[in-house]
């Protein structure tokens, strides 16, 4: 005995309805995967390309932070100490903390494989500014000329690392 079903019916979807549904679906996917460029226009990027673009933006932000650190350190290591030692020490401590935070952030943000060289330059530059900040604070606590010269030399080394960073095609192209 066989049971047969007479309810086998085909569902037919008109071609225009299928095309419109497909277009709406593709538009929604595109809207959720589109990322704006610097001018606000949407870009359709693969995830690894998007991660690289985002890392490049962070690198440019970090570059600006390096300039602020350098400015603070130049003021700290000026030839004459003006003002009270406590205020200068607090300022130097804040600069050191900012440099340490920046070095940690650069170390902890994952870098796509395409920008490994850029990440290495950023890490080198951040370590140099961190060390210059530490030496600057040490000079304030032990104000001998040789300590100041050592801090200035490290700051110069950090500046050279920043110049190498700026020569990177990842920074130049932005």
N, C-alpha and C. Protein backbone atom coordinates (compact mmCIF):
# COMPACT_ATOMS: atom_id res chain seq x y z
N UNK A 1 0.85 -1.16 0.00
CA UNK A 1 0.00 0.00 0.00
C UNK A 1 0.90 1.23 0.00
N UNK A 2 0.66 2.10 -0.91
CA UNK A 2 1.41 3.34 -1.04
C UNK A 2 0.52 4.51 -0.74
N UNK A 3 1.11 5.43 0.01
CA UNK A 3 0.36 6.64 0.29
C UNK A 3 0.84 7.69 -0.69
N UNK A 4 -0.05 8.22 -1.40
CA UNK A 4 0.36 9.26 -2.35
C UNK A 4 -0.27 10.57 -1.94
N UNK A 5 0.51 11.57 -2.20
CA UNK A 5 0.04 12.89 -1.81
C UNK A 5 -0.28 13.68 -3.05
N UNK A 6 -1.37 14.27 -3.04
CA UNK A 6 -1.75 15.09 -4.19
C UNK A 6 -1.52 16.57 -3.90
N UNK A 7 -0.85 16.86 -2.80
CA UNK A 7 -0.58 18.25 -2.42
C UNK A 7 0.76 18.74 -2.93
N UNK A 8 1.45 17.99 -3.79
CA UNK A 8 2.73 18.43 -4.34
C UNK A 8 2.46 19.59 -5.30
N UNK A 9 2.78 20.76 -4.82
CA UNK A 9 2.56 21.94 -5.64
C UNK A 9 3.86 22.72 -5.75
N UNK A 10 4.09 23.29 -6.88
CA UNK A 10 5.26 24.12 -7.09
C UNK A 10 4.92 25.56 -6.78
N UNK A 11 5.87 26.20 -6.11
CA UNK A 11 5.70 27.62 -5.84
C UNK A 11 6.45 28.36 -6.93
N UNK A 12 5.78 29.15 -7.66
CA UNK A 12 6.42 29.89 -8.74
C UNK A 12 6.51 31.37 -8.34
N UNK A 13 7.75 31.87 -8.38
CA UNK A 13 7.99 33.27 -8.05
C UNK A 13 8.26 33.99 -9.37
N UNK A 14 7.53 35.05 -9.62
CA UNK A 14 7.76 35.78 -10.87
C UNK A 14 9.20 36.32 -10.91
N UNK A 15 9.80 36.32 -12.08
CA UNK A 15 11.18 36.76 -12.26
C UNK A 15 11.40 38.19 -11.76
N UNK A 16 10.54 39.15 -12.06
CA UNK A 16 10.78 40.51 -11.55
C UNK A 16 10.82 40.57 -10.02
N UNK A 17 10.00 39.80 -9.34
CA UNK A 17 9.98 39.78 -7.88
C UNK A 17 11.29 39.20 -7.36
N UNK A 18 11.78 38.14 -7.99
CA UNK A 18 13.04 37.52 -7.57
C UNK A 18 14.21 38.48 -7.78
N UNK A 19 14.23 39.19 -8.89
CA UNK A 19 15.31 40.13 -9.19
C UNK A 19 15.29 41.29 -8.20
N UNK A 20 14.13 41.83 -7.93
CA UNK A 20 14.01 42.95 -6.98
C UNK A 20 14.43 42.50 -5.58
N UNK A 21 14.00 41.32 -5.18
CA UNK A 21 14.37 40.80 -3.86
C UNK A 21 15.89 40.62 -3.77
N UNK A 22 16.48 40.09 -4.81
CA UNK A 22 17.92 39.91 -4.83
C UNK A 22 18.66 41.25 -4.78
N UNK A 23 18.19 42.24 -5.51
CA UNK A 23 18.81 43.57 -5.48
C UNK A 23 18.70 44.22 -4.11
N UNK A 24 17.56 44.10 -3.47
CA UNK A 24 17.38 44.66 -2.14
C UNK A 24 18.32 43.95 -1.15
N UNK A 25 18.43 42.65 -1.26
CA UNK A 25 19.31 41.88 -0.38
C UNK A 25 20.76 42.30 -0.59
N UNK A 26 21.21 42.42 -1.82
CA UNK A 26 22.59 42.84 -2.10
C UNK A 26 22.85 44.27 -1.63
N UNK A 27 21.87 45.14 -1.76
CA UNK A 27 22.01 46.53 -1.29
C UNK A 27 22.17 46.56 0.22
N UNK A 28 21.39 45.78 0.94
CA UNK A 28 21.50 45.73 2.40
C UNK A 28 22.86 45.18 2.83
N UNK A 29 23.33 44.15 2.15
CA UNK A 29 24.66 43.61 2.47
C UNK A 29 25.72 44.67 2.21
N UNK A 30 25.61 45.37 1.11
CA UNK A 30 26.56 46.43 0.79
C UNK A 30 26.55 47.56 1.80
N UNK A 31 25.38 47.92 2.28
CA UNK A 31 25.28 49.01 3.25
C UNK A 31 25.95 48.63 4.57
N UNK A 32 25.81 47.38 4.98
CA UNK A 32 26.42 46.96 6.25
C UNK A 32 27.92 46.72 6.13
N UNK A 33 28.41 46.50 4.93
CA UNK A 33 29.83 46.25 4.74
C UNK A 33 30.56 47.44 4.14
N UNK A 34 29.87 48.53 3.92
CA UNK A 34 30.52 49.71 3.35
C UNK A 34 31.09 50.55 4.48
N UNK A 35 32.33 50.98 4.30
CA UNK A 35 32.99 51.81 5.29
C UNK A 35 33.30 53.15 4.62
N UNK A 36 33.08 54.26 5.31
CA UNK A 36 33.33 55.55 4.68
C UNK A 36 34.82 55.85 4.58
N UNK A 37 35.21 56.49 3.48
CA UNK A 37 36.59 56.95 3.37
C UNK A 37 36.71 58.31 4.05
N UNK A 38 37.82 58.99 3.87
CA UNK A 38 38.03 60.25 4.57
C UNK A 38 37.05 61.33 4.15
N UNK A 39 36.44 61.16 2.98
CA UNK A 39 35.48 62.16 2.50
C UNK A 39 34.04 61.71 2.70
N UNK A 40 33.86 60.60 3.41
CA UNK A 40 32.52 60.15 3.74
C UNK A 40 31.88 59.26 2.69
N UNK A 41 32.57 58.99 1.59
CA UNK A 41 32.02 58.11 0.55
C UNK A 41 32.20 56.66 1.00
N UNK A 42 31.22 55.81 0.69
CA UNK A 42 31.35 54.42 1.14
C UNK A 42 32.39 53.66 0.31
N UNK A 43 33.14 52.82 1.00
CA UNK A 43 34.11 51.93 0.37
C UNK A 43 33.71 50.50 0.70
N UNK A 44 33.75 49.65 -0.29
CA UNK A 44 33.51 48.23 -0.05
C UNK A 44 34.87 47.57 0.03
N UNK A 45 35.24 47.13 1.21
CA UNK A 45 36.55 46.56 1.42
C UNK A 45 36.45 45.18 2.05
N UNK A 46 37.41 44.35 1.72
CA UNK A 46 37.53 43.07 2.40
C UNK A 46 37.98 43.34 3.83
N UNK A 47 37.68 42.47 4.76
CA UNK A 47 38.03 42.72 6.17
C UNK A 47 39.52 42.99 6.39
N UNK A 48 40.41 42.27 5.70
CA UNK A 48 41.83 42.50 5.93
C UNK A 48 42.28 43.85 5.39
N UNK A 49 41.67 44.29 4.29
CA UNK A 49 41.99 45.62 3.75
C UNK A 49 41.47 46.70 4.70
N UNK A 50 40.28 46.50 5.22
CA UNK A 50 39.70 47.46 6.16
C UNK A 50 40.56 47.57 7.42
N UNK A 51 41.02 46.44 7.94
CA UNK A 51 41.88 46.45 9.13
C UNK A 51 43.17 47.21 8.86
N UNK A 52 43.72 47.05 7.67
CA UNK A 52 44.94 47.77 7.30
C UNK A 52 44.70 49.27 7.24
N UNK A 53 43.59 49.67 6.65
CA UNK A 53 43.26 51.10 6.58
C UNK A 53 43.06 51.68 7.98
N UNK A 54 42.39 50.94 8.85
CA UNK A 54 42.17 51.41 10.23
C UNK A 54 43.50 51.51 10.98
N UNK A 55 44.40 50.56 10.79
CA UNK A 55 45.69 50.62 11.46
C UNK A 55 46.50 51.82 10.95
N UNK A 56 46.39 52.07 9.68
CA UNK A 56 47.09 53.24 9.11
C UNK A 56 46.57 54.53 9.76
N UNK A 57 45.28 54.64 9.96
CA UNK A 57 44.72 55.82 10.62
C UNK A 57 45.23 55.95 12.06
N UNK A 58 45.29 54.82 12.77
CA UNK A 58 45.81 54.85 14.14
C UNK A 58 47.27 55.28 14.15
N UNK A 59 48.04 54.80 13.18
CA UNK A 59 49.46 55.16 13.10
C UNK A 59 49.63 56.66 12.92
N UNK A 60 48.77 57.27 12.16
CA UNK A 60 48.86 58.72 11.94
C UNK A 60 48.47 59.45 13.22
N UNK A 61 47.50 58.93 13.97
CA UNK A 61 47.16 59.52 15.27
C UNK A 61 48.35 59.41 16.23
N UNK A 62 48.99 58.25 16.24
CA UNK A 62 50.14 58.04 17.11
C UNK A 62 51.29 58.97 16.73
N UNK A 63 51.44 59.22 15.44
CA UNK A 63 52.47 60.14 14.98
C UNK A 63 52.25 61.53 15.60
N UNK A 64 51.03 61.99 15.63
CA UNK A 64 50.70 63.26 16.27
C UNK A 64 51.03 63.26 17.75
N UNK A 65 50.78 62.13 18.40
CA UNK A 65 51.10 62.01 19.83
C UNK A 65 52.60 62.06 20.06
N UNK A 66 53.37 61.49 19.15
CA UNK A 66 54.83 61.57 19.25
C UNK A 66 55.30 63.03 19.19
N UNK A 67 54.67 63.81 18.33
CA UNK A 67 55.04 65.23 18.24
C UNK A 67 54.72 65.97 19.54
N UNK A 68 53.57 65.65 20.15
CA UNK A 68 53.22 66.29 21.42
C UNK A 68 54.21 65.90 22.52
N UNK A 69 54.58 64.63 22.54
CA UNK A 69 55.58 64.18 23.52
C UNK A 69 56.91 64.90 23.31
N UNK A 70 57.31 65.03 22.07
CA UNK A 70 58.58 65.69 21.77
C UNK A 70 58.55 67.15 22.21
N UNK A 71 57.44 67.82 21.97
CA UNK A 71 57.31 69.21 22.40
C UNK A 71 57.41 69.32 23.92
N UNK A 72 56.72 68.44 24.63
CA UNK A 72 56.76 68.46 26.09
C UNK A 72 58.18 68.18 26.60
N UNK A 73 58.84 67.23 25.98
CA UNK A 73 60.19 66.88 26.42
C UNK A 73 61.19 67.99 26.12
N UNK A 74 61.03 68.66 24.99
CA UNK A 74 61.91 69.79 24.69
C UNK A 74 61.74 70.89 25.74
N UNK A 75 60.51 71.14 26.15
CA UNK A 75 60.26 72.12 27.20
C UNK A 75 60.85 71.68 28.53
N UNK A 76 60.72 70.41 28.83
CA UNK A 76 61.25 69.87 30.08
C UNK A 76 62.77 69.96 30.13
N UNK A 77 63.41 69.68 29.01
CA UNK A 77 64.87 69.62 28.98
C UNK A 77 65.51 70.95 28.58
N UNK A 78 64.74 72.03 28.66
CA UNK A 78 65.29 73.34 28.34
C UNK A 78 66.49 73.62 29.24
N UNK A 79 67.36 74.46 28.75
CA UNK A 79 68.63 74.70 29.43
C UNK A 79 68.45 75.18 30.88
N UNK A 80 67.48 76.00 31.11
CA UNK A 80 67.28 76.51 32.47
C UNK A 80 65.95 75.99 33.01
N UNK A 81 65.96 75.61 34.24
CA UNK A 81 64.74 75.16 34.89
C UNK A 81 64.07 76.37 35.54
N UNK A 82 62.87 76.67 35.05
CA UNK A 82 62.12 77.80 35.59
C UNK A 82 60.86 77.25 36.25
N UNK A 83 60.53 77.78 37.41
CA UNK A 83 59.34 77.32 38.12
C UNK A 83 59.72 76.37 39.24
N UNK A 84 58.70 75.95 39.96
CA UNK A 84 59.02 75.10 41.10
C UNK A 84 59.21 73.66 40.66
N UNK A 85 60.05 72.99 41.38
CA UNK A 85 60.46 71.63 41.05
C UNK A 85 59.29 70.66 41.10
N UNK A 86 58.36 70.85 42.02
CA UNK A 86 57.21 69.97 42.13
C UNK A 86 56.37 70.01 40.86
N UNK A 87 56.08 71.21 40.37
CA UNK A 87 55.28 71.35 39.15
C UNK A 87 55.99 70.71 37.96
N UNK A 88 57.30 70.93 37.88
CA UNK A 88 58.07 70.34 36.78
C UNK A 88 58.08 68.81 36.88
N UNK A 89 58.23 68.31 38.07
CA UNK A 89 58.23 66.85 38.27
C UNK A 89 56.87 66.24 37.92
N UNK A 90 55.81 66.92 38.29
CA UNK A 90 54.47 66.44 37.95
C UNK A 90 54.27 66.44 36.43
N UNK A 91 54.73 67.49 35.78
CA UNK A 91 54.63 67.56 34.33
C UNK A 91 55.44 66.45 33.67
N UNK A 92 56.65 66.22 34.17
CA UNK A 92 57.50 65.16 33.64
C UNK A 92 56.86 63.79 33.88
N UNK A 93 56.25 63.62 35.04
CA UNK A 93 55.58 62.35 35.35
C UNK A 93 54.42 62.11 34.39
N UNK A 94 53.64 63.14 34.11
CA UNK A 94 52.52 63.00 33.16
C UNK A 94 53.03 62.66 31.76
N UNK A 95 54.13 63.28 31.37
CA UNK A 95 54.72 62.98 30.06
C UNK A 95 55.18 61.53 30.01
N UNK A 96 55.81 61.07 31.07
CA UNK A 96 56.25 59.68 31.14
C UNK A 96 55.06 58.72 31.08
N UNK A 97 54.00 59.05 31.78
CA UNK A 97 52.80 58.21 31.78
C UNK A 97 52.17 58.16 30.39
N UNK A 98 52.13 59.32 29.71
CA UNK A 98 51.59 59.35 28.34
C UNK A 98 52.45 58.51 27.40
N UNK A 99 53.75 58.61 27.55
CA UNK A 99 54.66 57.83 26.70
C UNK A 99 54.49 56.33 26.97
N UNK A 100 54.32 55.96 28.23
CA UNK A 100 54.11 54.55 28.58
C UNK A 100 52.77 54.05 28.04
N UNK A 101 51.75 54.86 28.16
CA UNK A 101 50.43 54.50 27.64
C UNK A 101 50.49 54.31 26.12
N UNK A 102 51.18 55.21 25.45
CA UNK A 102 51.30 55.13 23.99
C UNK A 102 52.07 53.87 23.59
N UNK A 103 53.15 53.58 24.28
CA UNK A 103 53.93 52.37 23.97
C UNK A 103 53.09 51.11 24.18
N UNK A 104 52.30 51.08 25.27
CA UNK A 104 51.41 49.94 25.54
C UNK A 104 50.36 49.80 24.44
N UNK A 105 49.76 50.92 24.07
CA UNK A 105 48.71 50.88 23.06
C UNK A 105 49.26 50.37 21.73
N UNK A 106 50.42 50.87 21.32
CA UNK A 106 51.03 50.42 20.07
C UNK A 106 51.34 48.93 20.13
N UNK A 107 51.78 48.47 21.28
CA UNK A 107 52.12 47.06 21.44
C UNK A 107 50.88 46.17 21.43
N UNK A 108 49.77 46.67 21.96
CA UNK A 108 48.58 45.83 22.13
C UNK A 108 47.62 45.85 20.94
N UNK A 109 47.69 46.88 20.11
CA UNK A 109 46.78 46.93 18.96
C UNK A 109 47.30 45.96 17.90
N UNK A 110 46.48 45.00 17.51
CA UNK A 110 46.96 44.02 16.52
C UNK A 110 47.17 44.69 15.16
N UNK A 111 48.29 44.36 14.54
CA UNK A 111 48.63 44.92 13.24
C UNK A 111 48.44 43.86 12.16
N UNK A 112 47.77 44.22 11.08
CA UNK A 112 47.67 43.27 9.96
C UNK A 112 49.07 42.96 9.41
N UNK A 113 49.21 41.82 8.80
CA UNK A 113 50.51 41.38 8.29
C UNK A 113 51.07 42.38 7.27
N UNK A 114 50.22 43.05 6.54
CA UNK A 114 50.69 43.98 5.51
C UNK A 114 51.46 45.16 6.09
N UNK A 115 51.22 45.50 7.34
CA UNK A 115 51.86 46.67 7.95
C UNK A 115 52.83 46.29 9.07
N UNK A 116 53.44 45.15 8.96
CA UNK A 116 54.38 44.70 9.98
C UNK A 116 55.56 45.67 10.11
N UNK A 117 56.06 46.15 8.98
CA UNK A 117 57.17 47.11 9.01
C UNK A 117 56.78 48.40 9.70
N UNK A 118 55.57 48.88 9.43
CA UNK A 118 55.07 50.09 10.08
C UNK A 118 54.95 49.86 11.58
N UNK A 119 54.45 48.71 11.97
CA UNK A 119 54.32 48.41 13.40
C UNK A 119 55.69 48.41 14.08
N UNK A 120 56.70 47.85 13.42
CA UNK A 120 58.05 47.84 13.98
C UNK A 120 58.58 49.26 14.16
N UNK A 121 58.34 50.12 13.17
CA UNK A 121 58.77 51.52 13.29
C UNK A 121 58.05 52.23 14.44
N UNK A 122 56.76 51.98 14.56
CA UNK A 122 55.99 52.58 15.65
C UNK A 122 56.49 52.11 17.01
N UNK A 123 56.77 50.83 17.12
CA UNK A 123 57.26 50.28 18.40
C UNK A 123 58.61 50.88 18.75
N UNK A 124 59.50 50.97 17.78
CA UNK A 124 60.83 51.54 18.02
C UNK A 124 60.72 53.00 18.46
N UNK A 125 59.88 53.76 17.78
CA UNK A 125 59.71 55.18 18.10
C UNK A 125 59.10 55.34 19.49
N UNK A 126 58.11 54.54 19.82
CA UNK A 126 57.46 54.67 21.13
C UNK A 126 58.43 54.33 22.26
N UNK A 127 59.25 53.32 22.07
CA UNK A 127 60.23 52.95 23.11
C UNK A 127 61.26 54.07 23.28
N UNK A 128 61.69 54.68 22.17
CA UNK A 128 62.65 55.78 22.27
C UNK A 128 62.06 56.97 23.03
N UNK A 129 60.81 57.32 22.75
CA UNK A 129 60.18 58.44 23.47
C UNK A 129 59.94 58.07 24.94
N UNK A 130 59.62 56.84 25.20
CA UNK A 130 59.45 56.40 26.59
C UNK A 130 60.77 56.53 27.35
N UNK A 131 61.84 56.10 26.74
CA UNK A 131 63.16 56.19 27.39
C UNK A 131 63.58 57.65 27.56
N UNK A 132 63.31 58.49 26.55
CA UNK A 132 63.64 59.91 26.68
C UNK A 132 62.84 60.55 27.82
N UNK A 133 61.59 60.15 27.97
CA UNK A 133 60.76 60.67 29.07
C UNK A 133 61.32 60.24 30.41
N UNK A 134 61.72 58.99 30.50
CA UNK A 134 62.29 58.48 31.75
C UNK A 134 63.58 59.22 32.10
N UNK A 135 64.43 59.43 31.11
CA UNK A 135 65.69 60.13 31.35
C UNK A 135 65.44 61.60 31.71
N UNK A 136 64.41 62.19 31.12
CA UNK A 136 64.06 63.57 31.47
C UNK A 136 63.62 63.69 32.92
N UNK A 137 62.81 62.75 33.37
CA UNK A 137 62.37 62.74 34.76
C UNK A 137 63.56 62.50 35.69
N UNK A 138 64.45 61.62 35.30
CA UNK A 138 65.64 61.37 36.10
C UNK A 138 66.50 62.62 36.22
N UNK A 139 66.61 63.37 35.12
CA UNK A 139 67.40 64.60 35.14
C UNK A 139 66.79 65.62 36.12
N UNK A 140 65.47 65.69 36.17
CA UNK A 140 64.83 66.61 37.11
C UNK A 140 65.15 66.23 38.55
N UNK A 141 65.21 64.94 38.80
CA UNK A 141 65.50 64.49 40.17
C UNK A 141 66.98 64.54 40.51
N UNK A 142 67.81 64.52 39.50
CA UNK A 142 69.25 64.59 39.70
C UNK A 142 69.80 65.56 38.65
N UNK A 143 69.65 66.87 38.91
CA UNK A 143 69.94 67.87 37.86
C UNK A 143 71.45 68.08 37.60
N UNK A 144 72.04 67.06 37.02
CA UNK A 144 73.43 67.18 36.61
C UNK A 144 73.46 67.29 35.09
N UNK A 145 74.42 68.01 34.58
CA UNK A 145 74.48 68.27 33.14
C UNK A 145 74.63 66.99 32.33
N UNK A 146 75.37 66.02 32.82
CA UNK A 146 75.54 64.78 32.06
C UNK A 146 74.22 64.01 31.93
N UNK A 147 73.35 64.10 32.95
CA UNK A 147 72.03 63.47 32.88
C UNK A 147 71.16 64.18 31.85
N UNK A 148 71.25 65.50 31.80
CA UNK A 148 70.50 66.27 30.80
C UNK A 148 70.98 65.95 29.39
N UNK A 149 72.28 65.85 29.21
CA UNK A 149 72.85 65.54 27.89
C UNK A 149 72.41 64.15 27.44
N UNK A 150 72.38 63.21 28.37
CA UNK A 150 71.92 61.85 28.05
C UNK A 150 70.44 61.87 27.62
N UNK A 151 69.63 62.63 28.33
CA UNK A 151 68.20 62.73 27.98
C UNK A 151 68.03 63.40 26.62
N UNK A 152 68.80 64.45 26.36
CA UNK A 152 68.73 65.13 25.06
C UNK A 152 69.17 64.21 23.93
N UNK A 153 70.19 63.41 24.18
CA UNK A 153 70.66 62.47 23.16
C UNK A 153 69.58 61.43 22.84
N UNK A 154 68.90 60.95 23.88
CA UNK A 154 67.83 59.98 23.66
C UNK A 154 66.66 60.63 22.94
N UNK A 155 66.37 61.88 23.27
CA UNK A 155 65.30 62.60 22.57
C UNK A 155 65.66 62.78 21.10
N UNK A 156 66.91 63.05 20.81
CA UNK A 156 67.36 63.17 19.42
C UNK A 156 67.21 61.83 18.70
N UNK A 157 67.53 60.75 19.38
CA UNK A 157 67.36 59.41 18.81
C UNK A 157 65.88 59.13 18.53
N UNK A 158 65.02 59.55 19.44
CA UNK A 158 63.58 59.37 19.26
C UNK A 158 63.10 60.18 18.07
N UNK A 159 63.62 61.39 17.93
CA UNK A 159 63.23 62.23 16.80
C UNK A 159 63.67 61.59 15.48
N UNK A 160 64.84 61.00 15.44
CA UNK A 160 65.30 60.31 14.24
C UNK A 160 64.41 59.10 13.92
N UNK A 161 63.97 58.40 14.95
CA UNK A 161 63.04 57.28 14.74
C UNK A 161 61.72 57.80 14.18
N UNK A 162 61.27 58.96 14.66
CA UNK A 162 60.05 59.57 14.15
C UNK A 162 60.22 59.96 12.69
N UNK A 163 61.38 60.46 12.32
CA UNK A 163 61.63 60.80 10.92
C UNK A 163 61.61 59.55 10.04
N UNK A 164 62.17 58.45 10.51
CA UNK A 164 62.10 57.19 9.75
C UNK A 164 60.66 56.73 9.60
N UNK A 165 59.87 56.92 10.65
CA UNK A 165 58.45 56.57 10.59
C UNK A 165 57.75 57.41 9.52
N UNK A 166 58.06 58.69 9.48
CA UNK A 166 57.42 59.56 8.50
C UNK A 166 57.80 59.23 7.07
N UNK A 167 58.94 58.59 6.87
CA UNK A 167 59.37 58.19 5.54
C UNK A 167 58.66 56.93 5.05
N UNK A 168 57.95 56.26 5.94
CA UNK A 168 57.21 55.07 5.57
C UNK A 168 56.10 55.43 4.58
N UNK A 169 55.95 54.60 3.58
CA UNK A 169 54.90 54.83 2.58
C UNK A 169 53.50 54.80 3.20
N UNK A 170 53.36 54.10 4.31
CA UNK A 170 52.05 54.02 4.97
C UNK A 170 51.67 55.38 5.58
N UNK A 171 52.65 56.15 5.97
CA UNK A 171 52.37 57.47 6.56
C UNK A 171 52.32 58.53 5.45
N UNK A 172 53.21 58.44 4.48
CA UNK A 172 53.29 59.42 3.40
C UNK A 172 52.02 59.45 2.55
N UNK A 173 51.42 58.30 2.31
CA UNK A 173 50.30 58.23 1.38
C UNK A 173 49.01 58.77 1.97
N UNK A 174 49.00 59.06 3.21
CA UNK A 174 47.74 59.52 3.84
C UNK A 174 47.66 61.02 3.84
